[in-house]
Amino acid sequence: MGKNVLLVDDSSTMRKIIGRSLRQAGIDFDNIFEAGDGQEALAVLEKESVDIVLSDINMPNMNGIEFLREKAGRDAIKDIPVLMISTETGDDIIGEAKSLGAVGSIKKPFTPDKVNEVLGPLL
């Protein structure tokens, strides 16, 4: 059985770019779910089986840090790994994300090789 991924970014274009990068990196997912912010992501996680989440940090309504904080408090979804994909990769923001359960980060812009390097071991 294949894996399912959730792409969380307020830019639909960026979600498409990330999805394409996953395919170019040779990472095949059965389903690629999408959400425009942390609130939508939580709704998807509550109803779909997701193996890993790739999330932006800067988003309206509920940003990536708030999403991680909220997700950590929900037993049914708290153990789903989250990889941050963001232009913000400073030690402070990524450190906070990791303290809230993020398993790593990829800086935008990125290459399919970088996606494979970081994501491959997590799958």
PDB file of N, CA and C in Angstrom:
ATOM      1  N   MET A   1       0.839  -1.187   0.000  1.00  0.00           N
ATOM      2  CA  MET A   1       0.000   0.000   0.000  1.00  0.00           C
ATOM      3  C   MET A   1       0.880   1.245   0.000  1.00  0.00           C
ATOM      4  N   GLY A   2       0.533   2.201  -0.829  1.00  0.00           N
ATOM      5  CA  GLY A   2       1.321   3.421  -0.944  1.00  0.00           C
ATOM      6  C   GLY A   2       1.076   4.364   0.212  1.00  0.00           C
ATOM      7  N   LYS A   3       1.761   5.457   0.150  1.00  0.00           N
ATOM      8  CA  LYS A   3       1.683   6.451   1.218  1.00  0.00           C
ATOM      9  C   LYS A   3       0.861   7.657   0.777  1.00  0.00           C
ATOM     10  N   ASN A   4       0.355   8.366   1.773  1.00  0.00           N
ATOM     11  CA  ASN A   4      -0.414   9.580   1.540  1.00  0.00           C
ATOM     12  C   ASN A   4       0.313  10.763   2.156  1.00  0.00           C
ATOM     13  N   VAL A   5       0.304  11.882   1.444  1.00  0.00           N
ATOM     14  CA  VAL A   5       0.962  13.094   1.923  1.00  0.00           C
ATOM     15  C   VAL A   5      -0.050  14.237   1.938  1.00  0.00           C
ATOM     16  N   LEU A   6       0.135  15.153   2.867  1.00  0.00           N
ATOM     17  CA  LEU A   6      -0.668  16.369   2.936  1.00  0.00           C
ATOM     18  C   LEU A   6       0.259  17.553   2.732  1.00  0.00           C
ATOM     19  N   LEU A   7      -0.034  18.375   1.713  1.00  0.00           N
ATOM     20  CA  LEU A   7       0.732  19.583   1.427  1.00  0.00           C
ATOM     21  C   LEU A   7      -0.034  20.782   1.977  1.00  0.00           C
ATOM     22  N   VAL A   8       0.604  21.538   2.874  1.00  0.00           N
ATOM     23  CA  VAL A   8      -0.053  22.676   3.512  1.00  0.00           C
ATOM     24  C   VAL A   8       0.700  23.947   3.139  1.00  0.00           C
ATOM     25  N   ASP A   9       0.067  24.786   2.336  1.00  0.00           N
ATOM     26  CA  ASP A   9       0.666  26.049   1.910  1.00  0.00           C
ATOM     27  C   ASP A   9      -0.466  26.943   1.433  1.00  0.00           C
ATOM     28  N   ASP A  10      -0.386  28.231   1.751  1.00  0.00           N
ATOM     29  CA  ASP A  10      -1.455  29.142   1.328  1.00  0.00           C
ATOM     30  C   ASP A  10      -1.399  29.439  -0.163  1.00  0.00           C
ATOM     31  N   SER A  11      -0.333  29.054  -0.831  1.00  0.00           N
ATOM     32  CA  SER A  11      -0.208  29.254  -2.279  1.00  0.00           C
ATOM     33  C   SER A  11      -0.517  27.949  -3.012  1.00  0.00           C
ATOM     34  N   SER A  12      -1.588  27.955  -3.809  1.00  0.00           N
ATOM     35  CA  SER A  12      -1.924  26.748  -4.573  1.00  0.00           C
ATOM     36  C   SER A  12      -0.819  26.435  -5.576  1.00  0.00           C
ATOM     37  N   THR A  13      -0.161  27.474  -6.093  1.00  0.00           N
ATOM     38  CA  THR A  13       0.956  27.266  -7.010  1.00  0.00           C
ATOM     39  C   THR A  13       2.097  26.529  -6.310  1.00  0.00           C
ATOM     40  N   MET A  14       2.406  26.935  -5.087  1.00  0.00           N
ATOM     41  CA  MET A  14       3.480  26.277  -4.333  1.00  0.00           C
ATOM     42  C   MET A  14       3.106  24.824  -4.031  1.00  0.00           C
ATOM     43  N   ARG A  15       1.844  24.560  -3.730  1.00  0.00           N
ATOM     44  CA  ARG A  15       1.421  23.166  -3.485  1.00  0.00           C
ATOM     45  C   ARG A  15       1.652  22.325  -4.739  1.00  0.00           C
ATOM     46  N   LYS A  16       1.358  22.888  -5.911  1.00  0.00           N
ATOM     47  CA  LYS A  16       1.589  22.170  -7.176  1.00  0.00           C
ATOM     48  C   LYS A  16       3.086  21.943  -7.410  1.00  0.00           C
ATOM     49  N   ILE A  17       3.902  22.949  -7.114  1.00  0.00           N
ATOM     50  CA  ILE A  17       5.354  22.823  -7.272  1.00  0.00           C
ATOM     51  C   ILE A  17       5.894  21.731  -6.350  1.00  0.00           C
ATOM     52  N   ILE A  18       5.437  21.706  -5.120  1.00  0.00           N
ATOM     53  CA  ILE A  18       5.891  20.688  -4.169  1.00  0.00           C
ATOM     54  C   ILE A  18       5.472  19.300  -4.652  1.00  0.00           C
ATOM     55  N   GLY A  19       4.232  19.169  -5.097  1.00  0.00           N
ATOM     56  CA  GLY A  19       3.745  17.886  -5.612  1.00  0.00           C
ATOM     57  C   GLY A  19       4.575  17.414  -6.797  1.00  0.00           C
ATOM     58  N   ARG A  20       4.885  18.339  -7.698  1.00  0.00           N
ATOM     59  CA  ARG A  20       5.709  17.994  -8.862  1.00  0.00           C
ATOM     60  C   ARG A  20       7.115  17.590  -8.421  1.00  0.00           C
ATOM     61  N   SER A  21       7.673  18.302  -7.439  1.00  0.00           N
ATOM     62  CA  SER A  21       9.010  17.968  -6.934  1.00  0.00           C
ATOM     63  C   SER A  21       9.040  16.580  -6.309  1.00  0.00           C
ATOM     64  N   LEU A  22       7.964  16.201  -5.644  1.00  0.00           N
ATOM     65  CA  LEU A  22       7.887  14.854  -5.066  1.00  0.00           C
ATOM     66  C   LEU A  22       7.972  13.806  -6.173  1.00  0.00           C
ATOM     67  N   ARG A  23       7.204  14.018  -7.239  1.00  0.00           N
ATOM     68  CA  ARG A  23       7.224  13.070  -8.359  1.00  0.00           C
ATOM     69  C   ARG A  23       8.592  13.048  -9.033  1.00  0.00           C
ATOM     70  N   GLN A  24       9.183  14.223  -9.241  1.00  0.00           N
ATOM     71  CA  GLN A  24      10.504  14.297  -9.881  1.00  0.00           C
ATOM     72  C   GLN A  24      11.578  13.650  -9.013  1.00  0.00           C
ATOM     73  N   ALA A  25      11.377  13.664  -7.708  1.00  0.00           N
ATOM     74  CA  ALA A  25      12.332  13.049  -6.788  1.00  0.00           C
ATOM     75  C   ALA A  25      12.145  11.535  -6.727  1.00  0.00           C
ATOM     76  N   GLY A  26      11.119  11.035  -7.431  1.00  0.00           N
ATOM     77  CA  GLY A  26      10.868   9.603  -7.440  1.00  0.00           C
ATOM     78  C   GLY A  26      10.105   9.111  -6.232  1.00  0.00           C
ATOM     79  N   ILE A  27       9.502  10.036  -5.498  1.00  0.00           N
ATOM     80  CA  ILE A  27       8.711   9.662  -4.326  1.00  0.00           C
ATOM     81  C   ILE A  27       7.259   9.576  -4.770  1.00  0.00           C
ATOM     82  N   ASP A  28       6.726   8.367  -4.739  1.00  0.00           N
ATOM     83  CA  ASP A  28       5.385   8.131  -5.251  1.00  0.00           C
ATOM     84  C   ASP A  28       4.388   8.007  -4.104  1.00  0.00           C
ATOM     85  N   PHE A  29       3.408   8.875  -4.102  1.00  0.00           N
ATOM     86  CA  PHE A  29       2.349   8.825  -3.105  1.00  0.00           C
ATOM     87  C   PHE A  29       1.053   8.398  -3.774  1.00  0.00           C
ATOM     88  N   ASP A  30       0.257   7.591  -3.076  1.00  0.00           N
ATOM     89  CA  ASP A  30      -1.055   7.218  -3.596  1.00  0.00           C
ATOM     90  C   ASP A  30      -1.960   8.434  -3.680  1.00  0.00           C
ATOM     91  N   ASN A  31      -1.938   9.239  -2.618  1.00  0.00           N
ATOM     92  CA  ASN A  31      -2.799  10.422  -2.559  1.00  0.00           C
ATOM     93  C   ASN A  31      -1.997  11.618  -2.088  1.00  0.00           C
ATOM     94  N   ILE A  32      -2.215  12.745  -2.747  1.00  0.00           N
ATOM     95  CA  ILE A  32      -1.637  14.005  -2.311  1.00  0.00           C
ATOM     96  C   ILE A  32      -2.800  14.914  -1.945  1.00  0.00           C
ATOM     97  N   PHE A  33      -2.971  15.116  -0.643  1.00  0.00           N
ATOM     98  CA  PHE A  33      -4.025  15.997  -0.146  1.00  0.00           C
ATOM     99  C   PHE A  33      -3.443  17.400  -0.016  1.00  0.00           C
ATOM    100  N   GLU A  34      -4.311  18.413  -0.095  1.00  0.00           N
ATOM    101  CA  GLU A  34      -3.859  19.792  -0.012  1.00  0.00           C
ATOM    102  C   GLU A  34      -4.692  20.576   0.991  1.00  0.00           C
ATOM    103  N   ALA A  35      -4.030  21.552   1.633  1.00  0.00           N
ATOM    104  CA  ALA A  35      -4.712  22.461   2.551  1.00  0.00           C
ATOM    105  C   ALA A  35      -4.052  23.829   2.419  1.00  0.00           C
ATOM    106  N   GLY A  36      -4.851  24.879   2.551  1.00  0.00           N
ATOM    107  CA  GLY A  36      -4.365  26.241   2.387  1.00  0.00           C
ATOM    108  C   GLY A  36      -3.857  26.896   3.654  1.00  0.00           C
ATOM    109  N   ASP A  37      -4.076  26.262   4.807  1.00  0.00           N
ATOM    110  CA  ASP A  37      -3.577  26.784   6.077  1.00  0.00           C
ATOM    111  C   ASP A  37      -3.695  25.688   7.135  1.00  0.00           C
ATOM    112  N   GLY A  38      -3.260  25.992   8.342  1.00  0.00           N
ATOM    113  CA  GLY A  38      -3.270  25.007   9.413  1.00  0.00           C
ATOM    114  C   GLY A  38      -4.654  24.502   9.772  1.00  0.00           C
ATOM    115  N   GLN A  39      -5.651  25.382   9.717  1.00  0.00           N
ATOM    116  CA  GLN A  39      -7.020  24.961  10.038  1.00  0.00           C
ATOM    117  C   GLN A  39      -7.511  23.916   9.039  1.00  0.00           C
ATOM    118  N   GLU A  40      -7.295  24.173   7.744  1.00  0.00           N
ATOM    119  CA  GLU A  40      -7.698  23.203   6.716  1.00  0.00           C
ATOM    120  C   GLU A  40      -6.915  21.903   6.885  1.00  0.00           C
ATOM    121  N   ALA A  41      -5.641  22.018   7.250  1.00  0.00           N
ATOM    122  CA  ALA A  41      -4.805  20.828   7.437  1.00  0.00           C
ATOM    123  C   ALA A  41      -5.347  19.948   8.552  1.00  0.00           C
ATOM    124  N   LEU A  42      -5.742  20.554   9.661  1.00  0.00           N
ATOM    125  CA  LEU A  42      -6.309  19.786  10.777  1.00  0.00           C
ATOM    126  C   LEU A  42      -7.578  19.059  10.337  1.00  0.00           C
ATOM    127  N   ALA A  43      -8.404  19.733   9.536  1.00  0.00           N
ATOM    128  CA  ALA A  43      -9.641  19.113   9.044  1.00  0.00           C
ATOM    129  C   ALA A  43      -9.325  17.906   8.163  1.00  0.00           C
ATOM    130  N   VAL A  44      -8.315  18.034   7.292  1.00  0.00           N
ATOM    131  CA  VAL A  44      -7.924  16.907   6.434  1.00  0.00           C
ATOM    132  C   VAL A  44      -7.406  15.751   7.292  1.00  0.00           C
ATOM    133  N   LEU A  45      -6.555  16.061   8.270  1.00  0.00           N
ATOM    134  CA  LEU A  45      -5.971  15.010   9.112  1.00  0.00           C
ATOM    135  C   LEU A  45      -7.022  14.274   9.933  1.00  0.00           C
ATOM    136  N   GLU A  46      -8.099  14.957  10.264  1.00  0.00           N
ATOM    137  CA  GLU A  46      -9.165  14.321  11.053  1.00  0.00           C
ATOM    138  C   GLU A  46      -9.957  13.306  10.230  1.00  0.00           C
ATOM    139  N   LYS A  47      -9.959  13.444   8.879  1.00  0.00           N
ATOM    140  CA  LYS A  47     -10.801  12.551   8.083  1.00  0.00           C
ATOM    141  C   LYS A  47     -10.036  11.650   7.121  1.00  0.00           C
ATOM    142  N   GLU A  48      -8.761  11.950   6.846  1.00  0.00           N
ATOM    143  CA  GLU A  48      -7.981  11.157   5.894  1.00  0.00           C
ATOM    144  C   GLU A  48      -6.800  10.484   6.598  1.00  0.00           C
ATOM    145  N   SER A  49      -6.366   9.382   6.036  1.00  0.00           N
ATOM    146  CA  SER A  49      -5.169   8.704   6.530  1.00  0.00           C
ATOM    147  C   SER A  49      -3.960   9.322   5.839  1.00  0.00           C
ATOM    148  N   VAL A  50      -3.114   9.998   6.609  1.00  0.00           N
ATOM    149  CA  VAL A  50      -1.955  10.702   6.063  1.00  0.00           C
ATOM    150  C   VAL A  50      -0.691  10.174   6.736  1.00  0.00           C
ATOM    151  N   ASP A  51       0.338   9.911   5.926  1.00  0.00           N
ATOM    152  CA  ASP A  51       1.596   9.379   6.448  1.00  0.00           C
ATOM    153  C   ASP A  51       2.599  10.465   6.820  1.00  0.00           C
ATOM    154  N   ILE A  52       2.565  11.577   6.097  1.00  0.00           N
ATOM    155  CA  ILE A  52       3.473  12.686   6.383  1.00  0.00           C
ATOM    156  C   ILE A  52       2.847  13.988   5.899  1.00  0.00           C
ATOM    157  N   VAL A  53       3.181  15.082   6.597  1.00  0.00           N
ATOM    158  CA  VAL A  53       2.686  16.415   6.250  1.00  0.00           C
ATOM    159  C   VAL A  53       3.885  17.276   5.862  1.00  0.00           C
ATOM    160  N   LEU A  54       3.758  17.995   4.751  1.00  0.00           N
ATOM    161  CA  LEU A  54       4.751  18.990   4.352  1.00  0.00           C
ATOM    162  C   LEU A  54       4.071  20.343   4.500  1.00  0.00           C
ATOM    163  N   SER A  55       4.571  21.159   5.427  1.00  0.00           N
ATOM    164  CA  SER A  55       3.859  22.389   5.768  1.00  0.00           C
ATOM    165  C   SER A  55       4.730  23.635   5.667  1.00  0.00           C
ATOM    166  N   ASP A  56       4.131  24.686   5.122  1.00  0.00           N
ATOM    167  CA  ASP A  56       4.718  26.018   5.139  1.00  0.00           C
ATOM    168  C   ASP A  56       4.626  26.552   6.567  1.00  0.00           C
ATOM    169  N   ILE A  57       5.341  27.625   6.840  1.00  0.00           N
ATOM    170  CA  ILE A  57       5.238  28.263   8.154  1.00  0.00           C
ATOM    171  C   ILE A  57       4.337  29.485   8.081  1.00  0.00           C
ATOM    172  N   ASN A  58       4.604  30.393   7.123  1.00  0.00           N
ATOM    173  CA  ASN A  58       3.837  31.637   7.025  1.00  0.00           C
ATOM    174  C   ASN A  58       2.564  31.432   6.220  1.00  0.00           C
ATOM    175  N   MET A  59       1.432  31.393   6.934  1.00  0.00           N
ATOM    176  CA  MET A  59       0.117  31.243   6.298  1.00  0.00           C
ATOM    177  C   MET A  59      -0.899  32.049   7.090  1.00  0.00           C
ATOM    178  N   PRO A  60      -1.976  32.474   6.435  1.00  0.00           N
ATOM    179  CA  PRO A  60      -3.043  33.175   7.164  1.00  0.00           C
ATOM    180  C   PRO A  60      -3.863  32.192   7.997  1.00  0.00           C
ATOM    181  N   ASN A  61      -4.722  32.708   8.820  1.00  0.00           N
ATOM    182  CA  ASN A  61      -5.659  31.948   9.668  1.00  0.00           C
ATOM    183  C   ASN A  61      -4.961  31.129  10.743  1.00  0.00           C
ATOM    184  N   MET A  62      -4.151  30.149  10.343  1.00  0.00           N
ATOM    185  CA  MET A  62      -3.379  29.365  11.291  1.00  0.00           C
ATOM    186  C   MET A  62      -2.051  29.032  10.629  1.00  0.00           C
ATOM    187  N   ASN A  63      -0.955  29.603  11.150  1.00  0.00           N
ATOM    188  CA  ASN A  63       0.345  29.373  10.531  1.00  0.00           C
ATOM    189  C   ASN A  63       0.908  27.994  10.906  1.00  0.00           C
ATOM    190  N   GLY A  64       2.071  27.683  10.364  1.00  0.00           N
ATOM    191  CA  GLY A  64       2.656  26.366  10.580  1.00  0.00           C
ATOM    192  C   GLY A  64       2.992  26.065  12.026  1.00  0.00           C
ATOM    193  N   ILE A  65       3.450  27.058  12.768  1.00  0.00           N
ATOM    194  CA  ILE A  65       3.775  26.862  14.184  1.00  0.00           C
ATOM    195  C   ILE A  65       2.497  26.609  14.985  1.00  0.00           C
ATOM    196  N   GLU A  66       1.468  27.413  14.738  1.00  0.00           N
ATOM    197  CA  GLU A  66       0.177  27.208  15.419  1.00  0.00           C
ATOM    198  C   GLU A  66      -0.413  25.847  15.059  1.00  0.00           C
ATOM    199  N   PHE A  67      -0.247  25.438  13.787  1.00  0.00           N
ATOM    200  CA  PHE A  67      -0.718  24.127  13.342  1.00  0.00           C
ATOM    201  C   PHE A  67      -0.028  23.016  14.130  1.00  0.00           C
ATOM    202  N   LEU A  68       1.298  23.099  14.263  1.00  0.00           N
ATOM    203  CA  LEU A  68       2.041  22.086  15.026  1.00  0.00           C
ATOM    204  C   LEU A  68       1.571  22.036  16.474  1.00  0.00           C
ATOM    205  N   ARG A  69       1.360  23.203  17.067  1.00  0.00           N
ATOM    206  CA  ARG A  69       0.921  23.285  18.463  1.00  0.00           C
ATOM    207  C   ARG A  69      -0.457  22.620  18.630  1.00  0.00           C
ATOM    208  N   GLU A  70      -1.366  22.936  17.723  1.00  0.00           N
ATOM    209  CA  GLU A  70      -2.721  22.373  17.786  1.00  0.00           C
ATOM    210  C   GLU A  70      -2.703  20.866  17.513  1.00  0.00           C
ATOM    211  N   LYS A  71      -1.935  20.445  16.524  1.00  0.00           N
ATOM    212  CA  LYS A  71      -1.838  19.028  16.155  1.00  0.00           C
ATOM    213  C   LYS A  71      -1.309  18.196  17.317  1.00  0.00           C
ATOM    214  N   ALA A  72      -0.332  18.750  18.050  1.00  0.00           N
ATOM    215  CA  ALA A  72       0.285  18.026  19.169  1.00  0.00           C
ATOM    216  C   ALA A  72      -0.727  17.703  20.275  1.00  0.00           C
ATOM    217  N   GLY A  73      -1.797  18.481  20.349  1.00  0.00           N
ATOM    218  CA  GLY A  73      -2.800  18.262  21.380  1.00  0.00           C
ATOM    219  C   GLY A  73      -3.913  17.306  20.984  1.00  0.00           C
ATOM    220  N   ARG A  74      -3.826  16.745  19.795  1.00  0.00           N
ATOM    221  CA  ARG A  74      -4.872  15.842  19.312  1.00  0.00           C
ATOM    222  C   ARG A  74      -4.301  14.435  19.181  1.00  0.00           C
ATOM    223  N   ASP A  75      -4.738  13.542  20.071  1.00  0.00           N
ATOM    224  CA  ASP A  75      -4.175  12.189  20.141  1.00  0.00           C
ATOM    225  C   ASP A  75      -4.206  11.435  18.820  1.00  0.00           C
ATOM    226  N   ALA A  76      -5.272  11.565  18.057  1.00  0.00           N
ATOM    227  CA  ALA A  76      -5.429  10.783  16.823  1.00  0.00           C
ATOM    228  C   ALA A  76      -4.415  11.173  15.743  1.00  0.00           C
ATOM    229  N   ILE A  77      -3.890  12.388  15.793  1.00  0.00           N
ATOM    230  CA  ILE A  77      -3.007  12.860  14.718  1.00  0.00           C
ATOM    231  C   ILE A  77      -1.646  13.339  15.206  1.00  0.00           C
ATOM    232  N   LYS A  78      -1.412  13.342  16.507  1.00  0.00           N
ATOM    233  CA  LYS A  78      -0.187  13.957  17.032  1.00  0.00           C
ATOM    234  C   LYS A  78       1.095  13.283  16.565  1.00  0.00           C
ATOM    235  N   ASP A  79       1.048  12.002  16.192  1.00  0.00           N
ATOM    236  CA  ASP A  79       2.257  11.280  15.805  1.00  0.00           C
ATOM    237  C   ASP A  79       2.554  11.295  14.311  1.00  0.00           C
ATOM    238  N   ILE A  80       1.729  11.965  13.516  1.00  0.00           N
ATOM    239  CA  ILE A  80       1.991  12.067  12.077  1.00  0.00           C
ATOM    240  C   ILE A  80       3.156  13.037  11.884  1.00  0.00           C
ATOM    241  N   PRO A  81       4.245  12.599  11.212  1.00  0.00           N
ATOM    242  CA  PRO A  81       5.400  13.488  11.053  1.00  0.00           C
ATOM    243  C   PRO A  81       5.100  14.690  10.164  1.00  0.00           C
ATOM    244  N   VAL A  82       5.711  15.819  10.525  1.00  0.00           N
ATOM    245  CA  VAL A  82       5.551  17.062   9.765  1.00  0.00           C
ATOM    246  C   VAL A  82       6.940  17.572   9.378  1.00  0.00           C
ATOM    247  N   LEU A  83       7.109  17.837   8.089  1.00  0.00           N
ATOM    248  CA  LEU A  83       8.330  18.426   7.565  1.00  0.00           C
ATOM    249  C   LEU A  83       7.989  19.845   7.139  1.00  0.00           C
ATOM    250  N   MET A  84       8.730  20.817   7.646  1.00  0.00           N
ATOM    251  CA  MET A  84       8.460  22.206   7.315  1.00  0.00           C
ATOM    252  C   MET A  84       9.131  22.555   5.987  1.00  0.00           C
ATOM    253  N   ILE A  85       8.394  23.207   5.086  1.00  0.00           N
ATOM    254  CA  ILE A  85       8.944  23.704   3.822  1.00  0.00           C
ATOM    255  C   ILE A  85       8.648  25.191   3.794  1.00  0.00           C
ATOM    256  N   SER A  86       9.706  26.005   3.914  1.00  0.00           N
ATOM    257  CA  SER A  86       9.476  27.430   4.095  1.00  0.00           C
ATOM    258  C   SER A  86      10.678  28.260   3.650  1.00  0.00           C
ATOM    259  N   THR A  87      10.432  29.529   3.400  1.00  0.00           N
ATOM    260  CA  THR A  87      11.526  30.461   3.172  1.00  0.00           C
ATOM    261  C   THR A  87      12.157  30.819   4.512  1.00  0.00           C
ATOM    262  N   GLU A  88      11.402  30.620   5.587  1.00  0.00           N
ATOM    263  CA  GLU A  88      11.881  30.918   6.933  1.00  0.00           C
ATOM    264  C   GLU A  88      12.557  29.690   7.507  1.00  0.00           C
ATOM    265  N   THR A  89      13.877  29.667   7.462  1.00  0.00           N
ATOM    266  CA  THR A  89      14.571  28.507   8.012  1.00  0.00           C
ATOM    267  C   THR A  89      15.621  28.919   9.035  1.00  0.00           C
ATOM    268  N   GLY A  90      15.373  30.044   9.694  1.00  0.00           N
ATOM    269  CA  GLY A  90      16.277  30.471  10.760  1.00  0.00           C
ATOM    270  C   GLY A  90      16.220  29.497  11.920  1.00  0.00           C
ATOM    271  N   ASP A  91      17.311  29.433  12.676  1.00  0.00           N
ATOM    272  CA  ASP A  91      17.392  28.491  13.791  1.00  0.00           C
ATOM    273  C   ASP A  91      16.278  28.699  14.810  1.00  0.00           C
ATOM    274  N   ASP A  92      15.860  29.950  14.994  1.00  0.00           N
ATOM    275  CA  ASP A  92      14.825  30.214  15.996  1.00  0.00           C
ATOM    276  C   ASP A  92      13.484  29.615  15.592  1.00  0.00           C
ATOM    277  N   ILE A  93      13.039  29.885  14.362  1.00  0.00           N
ATOM    278  CA  ILE A  93      11.720  29.407  13.930  1.00  0.00           C
ATOM    279  C   ILE A  93      11.734  27.900  13.700  1.00  0.00           C
ATOM    280  N   ILE A  94      12.798  27.360  13.121  1.00  0.00           N
ATOM    281  CA  ILE A  94      12.885  25.924  12.902  1.00  0.00           C
ATOM    282  C   ILE A  94      13.082  25.209  14.234  1.00  0.00           C
ATOM    283  N   GLY A  95      13.834  25.820  15.133  1.00  0.00           N
ATOM    284  CA  GLY A  95      13.990  25.245  16.481  1.00  0.00           C
ATOM    285  C   GLY A  95      12.652  25.141  17.184  1.00  0.00           C
ATOM    286  N   GLU A  96      11.834  26.185  17.062  1.00  0.00           N
ATOM    287  CA  GLU A  96      10.505  26.152  17.667  1.00  0.00           C
ATOM    288  C   GLU A  96       9.647  25.077  17.015  1.00  0.00           C
ATOM    289  N   ALA A  97       9.709  24.995  15.683  1.00  0.00           N
ATOM    290  CA  ALA A  97       8.936  23.974  14.969  1.00  0.00           C
ATOM    291  C   ALA A  97       9.353  22.576  15.422  1.00  0.00           C
ATOM    292  N   LYS A  98      10.653  22.347  15.532  1.00  0.00           N
ATOM    293  CA  LYS A  98      11.134  21.020  15.967  1.00  0.00           C
ATOM    294  C   LYS A  98      10.733  20.733  17.406  1.00  0.00           C
ATOM    295  N   SER A  99      10.725  21.752  18.247  1.00  0.00           N
ATOM    296  CA  SER A  99      10.313  21.545  19.640  1.00  0.00           C
ATOM    297  C   SER A  99       8.833  21.173  19.723  1.00  0.00           C
ATOM    298  N   LEU A 100       8.082  21.526  18.682  1.00  0.00           N
ATOM    299  CA  LEU A 100       6.656  21.207  18.625  1.00  0.00           C
ATOM    300  C   LEU A 100       6.391  19.932  17.814  1.00  0.00           C
ATOM    301  N   GLY A 101       7.457  19.246  17.394  1.00  0.00           N
ATOM    302  CA  GLY A 101       7.276  17.960  16.741  1.00  0.00           C
ATOM    303  C   GLY A 101       7.667  17.870  15.286  1.00  0.00           C
ATOM    304  N   ALA A 102       8.065  18.979  14.650  1.00  0.00           N
ATOM    305  CA  ALA A 102       8.500  18.896  13.254  1.00  0.00           C
ATOM    306  C   ALA A 102       9.735  18.009  13.168  1.00  0.00           C
ATOM    307  N   VAL A 103       9.806  17.198  12.109  1.00  0.00           N
ATOM    308  CA  VAL A 103      10.909  16.246  11.964  1.00  0.00           C
ATOM    309  C   VAL A 103      12.070  16.814  11.145  1.00  0.00           C
ATOM    310  N   GLY A 104      11.901  18.009  10.590  1.00  0.00           N
ATOM    311  CA  GLY A 104      12.953  18.626   9.801  1.00  0.00           C
ATOM    312  C   GLY A 104      12.410  19.765   8.971  1.00  0.00           C
ATOM    313  N   SER A 105      13.273  20.271   8.070  1.00  0.00           N
ATOM    314  CA  SER A 105      12.839  21.403   7.236  1.00  0.00           C
ATOM    315  C   SER A 105      13.576  21.393   5.907  1.00  0.00           C
ATOM    316  N   ILE A 106      12.926  21.987   4.924  1.00  0.00           N
ATOM    317  CA  ILE A 106      13.501  22.223   3.606  1.00  0.00           C
ATOM    318  C   ILE A 106      13.283  23.696   3.296  1.00  0.00           C
ATOM    319  N   LYS A 107      14.344  24.359   2.852  1.00  0.00           N
ATOM    320  CA  LYS A 107      14.253  25.788   2.527  1.00  0.00           C
ATOM    321  C   LYS A 107      13.782  25.972   1.083  1.00  0.00           C
ATOM    322  N   LYS A 108      12.808  26.877   0.898  1.00  0.00           N
ATOM    323  CA  LYS A 108      12.373  27.266  -0.446  1.00  0.00           C
ATOM    324  C   LYS A 108      13.366  28.288  -0.972  1.00  0.00           C
ATOM    325  N   PRO A 109      13.711  28.287  -2.249  1.00  0.00           N
ATOM    326  CA  PRO A 109      13.358  27.277  -3.242  1.00  0.00           C
ATOM    327  C   PRO A 109      14.208  26.018  -3.041  1.00  0.00           C
ATOM    328  N   PHE A 110      13.745  24.901  -3.552  1.00  0.00           N
ATOM    329  CA  PHE A 110      14.408  23.619  -3.340  1.00  0.00           C
ATOM    330  C   PHE A 110      14.413  22.842  -4.643  1.00  0.00           C
ATOM    331  N   THR A 111      15.233  21.817  -4.678  1.00  0.00           N
ATOM    332  CA  THR A 111      15.321  20.956  -5.860  1.00  0.00           C
ATOM    333  C   THR A 111      14.708  19.597  -5.531  1.00  0.00           C
ATOM    334  N   PRO A 112      14.310  18.826  -6.541  1.00  0.00           N
ATOM    335  CA  PRO A 112      13.824  17.463  -6.279  1.00  0.00           C
ATOM    336  C   PRO A 112      14.856  16.623  -5.524  1.00  0.00           C
ATOM    337  N   ASP A 113      16.152  16.844  -5.816  1.00  0.00           N
ATOM    338  CA  ASP A 113      17.194  16.101  -5.101  1.00  0.00           C
ATOM    339  C   ASP A 113      17.173  16.414  -3.609  1.00  0.00           C
ATOM    340  N   LYS A 114      16.981  17.679  -3.265  1.00  0.00           N
ATOM    341  CA  LYS A 114      16.929  18.079  -1.856  1.00  0.00           C
ATOM    342  C   LYS A 114      15.707  17.465  -1.178  1.00  0.00           C
ATOM    343  N   VAL A 115      14.570  17.459  -1.882  1.00  0.00           N
ATOM    344  CA  VAL A 115      13.356  16.842  -1.341  1.00  0.00           C
ATOM    345  C   VAL A 115      13.620  15.364  -1.053  1.00  0.00           C
ATOM    346  N   ASN A 116      14.234  14.678  -1.996  1.00  0.00           N
ATOM    347  CA  ASN A 116      14.522  13.257  -1.838  1.00  0.00           C
ATOM    348  C   ASN A 116      15.488  13.014  -0.679  1.00  0.00           C
ATOM    349  N   GLU A 117      16.509  13.873  -0.566  1.00  0.00           N
ATOM    350  CA  GLU A 117      17.518  13.744   0.482  1.00  0.00           C
ATOM    351  C   GLU A 117      16.893  13.866   1.881  1.00  0.00           C
ATOM    352  N   VAL A 118      15.987  14.821   2.037  1.00  0.00           N
ATOM    353  CA  VAL A 118      15.392  15.075   3.343  1.00  0.00           C
ATOM    354  C   VAL A 118      14.201  14.160   3.626  1.00  0.00           C
ATOM    355  N   LEU A 119      13.353  13.967   2.622  1.00  0.00           N
ATOM    356  CA  LEU A 119      12.115  13.209   2.814  1.00  0.00           C
ATOM    357  C   LEU A 119      12.322  11.697   2.758  1.00  0.00           C
ATOM    358  N   GLY A 120      13.233  11.258   1.888  1.00  0.00           N
ATOM    359  CA  GLY A 120      13.455   9.822   1.709  1.00  0.00           C
ATOM    360  C   GLY A 120      13.623   9.039   2.997  1.00  0.00           C
ATOM    361  N   PRO A 121      14.531   9.466   3.896  1.00  0.00           N
ATOM    362  CA  PRO A 121      14.728   8.712   5.137  1.00  0.00           C
ATOM    363  C   PRO A 121      13.498   8.704   6.061  1.00  0.00           C
ATOM    364  N   LEU A 122      12.609   9.669   5.895  1.00  0.00           N
ATOM    365  CA  LEU A 122      11.416   9.741   6.752  1.00  0.00           C
ATOM    366  C   LEU A 122      10.329   8.763   6.331  1.00  0.00           C
ATOM    367  N   LEU A 123      10.450   8.229   5.111  1.00  0.00           N
ATOM    368  CA  LEU A 123       9.441   7.334   4.595  1.00  0.00           C
ATOM    369  C   LEU A 123       9.960   5.914   4.678  1.00  0.00           C
TER     370      LEU A 123
END
